[in-house]
């Protein structure tokens, strides 16, 4: 099972108008530990950033699953309440999960989420959908010794 870490990279970015601005951009990395997450984000970002940069934060996330779309350029966080019935009390119980969905816009996020949930037998309701500031998401590199 994937363990997702949000890593923030701080660096001086040249804007479209030529001005240099200090930015702090978040990325998501699949890693086994905080140390591996930091090493992975440095490895992934080094080819794209000219000059010095630093990892300003690494934190574990509660993302349960990711629905991918290679044509999408934005990431949306969908909070979903799965509804179960307690056998003893017959009361409804809701457990909230967070699912990250790639999409081009809000409508696409809803469509991609619905498509990803098609095989699910559990009852659920969407609690919230919001766009995230994530720049990119990096899957685990399987088969490599780190």
Protein backbone atom coordinates (compact mmCIF):
# COMPACT_ATOMS: atom_id res chain seq x y z
CA UNK A 1 0.00 0.00 0.00
CA UNK A 2 1.30 3.42 -0.91
CA UNK A 3 2.35 5.87 1.76
CA UNK A 4 2.14 9.43 0.47
CA UNK A 5 4.27 12.31 1.72
CA UNK A 6 3.77 15.97 0.84
CA UNK A 7 7.14 17.60 0.19
CA UNK A 8 7.60 21.34 -0.24
CA UNK A 9 10.47 22.69 -2.35
CA UNK A 10 11.70 26.24 -1.81
CA UNK A 11 13.64 27.98 -4.59
CA UNK A 12 14.01 31.16 -6.65
CA UNK A 13 11.74 30.91 -9.70
CA UNK A 14 12.02 33.12 -12.77
CA UNK A 15 8.52 34.36 -13.58
CA UNK A 16 7.12 34.96 -17.09
CA UNK A 17 7.86 38.70 -16.82
CA UNK A 18 11.53 37.98 -15.96
CA UNK A 19 11.25 38.79 -12.27
CA UNK A 20 12.79 36.34 -9.78
CA UNK A 21 10.45 35.27 -6.99
CA UNK A 22 11.00 32.97 -4.00
CA UNK A 23 8.43 30.13 -4.21
CA UNK A 24 7.50 27.19 -2.02
CA UNK A 25 5.84 24.48 -4.16
CA UNK A 26 4.19 21.29 -2.84
CA UNK A 27 4.66 17.85 -4.42
CA UNK A 28 3.41 14.40 -3.45
CA UNK A 29 5.82 11.45 -3.22
CA UNK A 30 5.23 7.75 -2.57
CA UNK A 31 7.90 6.68 -0.07
CA UNK A 32 8.50 4.41 2.90
CA UNK A 33 9.92 7.06 5.23
CA UNK A 34 10.46 10.79 5.62
CA UNK A 35 14.11 10.34 4.62
CA UNK A 36 13.23 8.47 1.45
CA UNK A 37 10.56 11.07 0.58
CA UNK A 38 13.13 13.87 0.90
CA UNK A 39 15.69 11.97 -1.20
CA UNK A 40 13.06 11.18 -3.88
CA UNK A 41 11.84 14.76 -4.24
CA UNK A 42 15.42 16.02 -4.54
CA UNK A 43 16.10 13.38 -7.22
CA UNK A 44 12.90 14.20 -9.13
CA UNK A 45 13.27 18.00 -9.02
CA UNK A 46 17.02 18.43 -9.61
CA UNK A 47 16.71 18.28 -13.44
CA UNK A 48 13.96 20.95 -13.46
CA UNK A 49 15.33 23.59 -11.08
CA UNK A 50 18.36 25.68 -11.96
CA UNK A 51 20.24 27.03 -8.99
CA UNK A 52 19.88 26.18 -5.35
CA UNK A 53 16.74 24.75 -3.78
CA UNK A 54 15.84 23.18 -0.48
CA UNK A 55 13.22 20.84 0.89
CA UNK A 56 11.37 23.10 3.31
CA UNK A 57 8.87 20.53 4.63
CA UNK A 58 7.99 16.83 4.51
CA UNK A 59 4.76 15.59 6.05
CA UNK A 60 2.73 12.39 5.89
CA UNK A 61 -0.70 12.66 4.25
CA UNK A 62 -3.93 10.73 4.80
CA UNK A 63 -4.57 10.04 1.12
CA UNK A 64 -6.12 6.60 0.76
CA UNK A 65 -6.06 6.32 -3.03
CA UNK A 66 -5.23 8.22 -6.20
CA UNK A 67 -7.23 8.23 -9.43
CA UNK A 68 -4.84 9.06 -12.28
CA UNK A 69 -5.49 10.90 -15.54
CA UNK A 70 -2.39 11.51 -17.68
CA UNK A 71 -4.06 14.32 -19.62
CA UNK A 72 -4.93 16.29 -16.47
CA UNK A 73 -2.92 19.21 -15.11
CA UNK A 74 -4.59 19.75 -11.71
CA UNK A 75 -5.12 17.67 -8.59
CA UNK A 76 -8.36 17.61 -6.60
CA UNK A 77 -8.86 16.22 -3.10
CA UNK A 78 -12.16 14.38 -2.72
CA UNK A 79 -13.38 13.69 0.82
CA UNK A 80 -15.67 10.68 0.78
CA UNK A 81 -17.79 9.28 3.61
CA UNK A 82 -18.22 5.52 3.32
CA UNK A 83 -21.47 4.45 4.96
CA UNK A 84 -21.64 1.21 6.93
CA UNK A 85 -24.30 -0.23 9.20
CA UNK A 86 -23.29 -1.34 12.70
CA UNK A 87 -24.62 -4.91 13.05
CA UNK A 88 -25.25 -4.64 16.79
CA UNK A 89 -27.01 -1.28 16.95
CA UNK A 90 -28.24 -1.00 13.33
CA UNK A 91 -26.93 2.56 13.31
CA UNK A 92 -25.32 4.16 10.27
CA UNK A 93 -21.62 4.83 10.64
CA UNK A 94 -19.59 7.06 8.34
CA UNK A 95 -15.84 6.78 7.87
CA UNK A 96 -14.18 9.56 5.91
CA UNK A 97 -11.42 8.87 3.38
CA UNK A 98 -9.42 11.24 1.19
CA UNK A 99 -8.92 10.40 -2.48
CA UNK A 100 -6.72 12.44 -4.80
CA UNK A 101 -8.10 12.83 -8.33
CA UNK A 102 -6.31 14.17 -11.39
CA UNK A 103 -8.48 16.33 -13.65
CA UNK A 104 -8.47 19.43 -15.82
CA UNK A 105 -11.35 21.09 -13.98
CA UNK A 106 -13.90 20.56 -11.20
CA UNK A 107 -16.40 18.76 -13.45
CA UNK A 108 -13.63 16.45 -14.69
CA UNK A 109 -12.64 15.71 -11.09
CA UNK A 110 -16.18 14.62 -10.30
CA UNK A 111 -16.36 12.49 -13.46
CA UNK A 112 -12.94 10.87 -12.84
CA UNK A 113 -13.88 10.16 -9.23
CA UNK A 114 -17.20 8.59 -10.25
CA UNK A 115 -15.44 6.48 -12.88
CA UNK A 116 -12.84 5.34 -10.33
CA UNK A 117 -15.55 4.31 -7.86
CA UNK A 118 -17.61 2.26 -10.38
CA UNK A 119 -16.55 -1.14 -9.03
CA UNK A 120 -17.16 -0.20 -5.41
CA UNK A 121 -19.87 -2.12 -3.60
CA UNK A 122 -19.87 0.18 -0.55
CA UNK A 123 -22.31 3.05 -0.16
CA UNK A 124 -20.64 6.45 -0.07
CA UNK A 125 -21.34 10.14 -0.29
CA UNK A 126 -19.05 12.93 -1.42
CA UNK A 127 -18.39 15.33 1.46
CA UNK A 128 -16.15 17.81 -0.40
CA UNK A 129 -14.10 18.34 -3.56
CA UNK A 130 -11.39 20.97 -3.59
CA UNK A 131 -8.50 21.86 -5.85
CA UNK A 132 -5.08 21.31 -4.29
CA UNK A 133 -1.92 23.38 -4.84
CA UNK A 134 0.06 20.20 -5.71
CA UNK A 135 2.42 20.69 -8.64
CA UNK A 136 3.00 16.97 -9.36
CA UNK A 137 2.69 13.46 -7.89
CA UNK A 138 5.51 10.90 -8.03
CA UNK A 139 4.74 7.18 -7.79
CA UNK A 140 7.16 4.74 -6.20
CA UNK A 141 9.99 3.51 -8.39
CA UNK A 142 9.62 -0.24 -8.03
CA UNK A 143 12.55 -2.54 -8.60
CA UNK A 144 15.24 -0.02 -7.70
CA UNK A 145 17.56 -0.16 -4.71
CA UNK A 146 17.56 3.14 -2.89
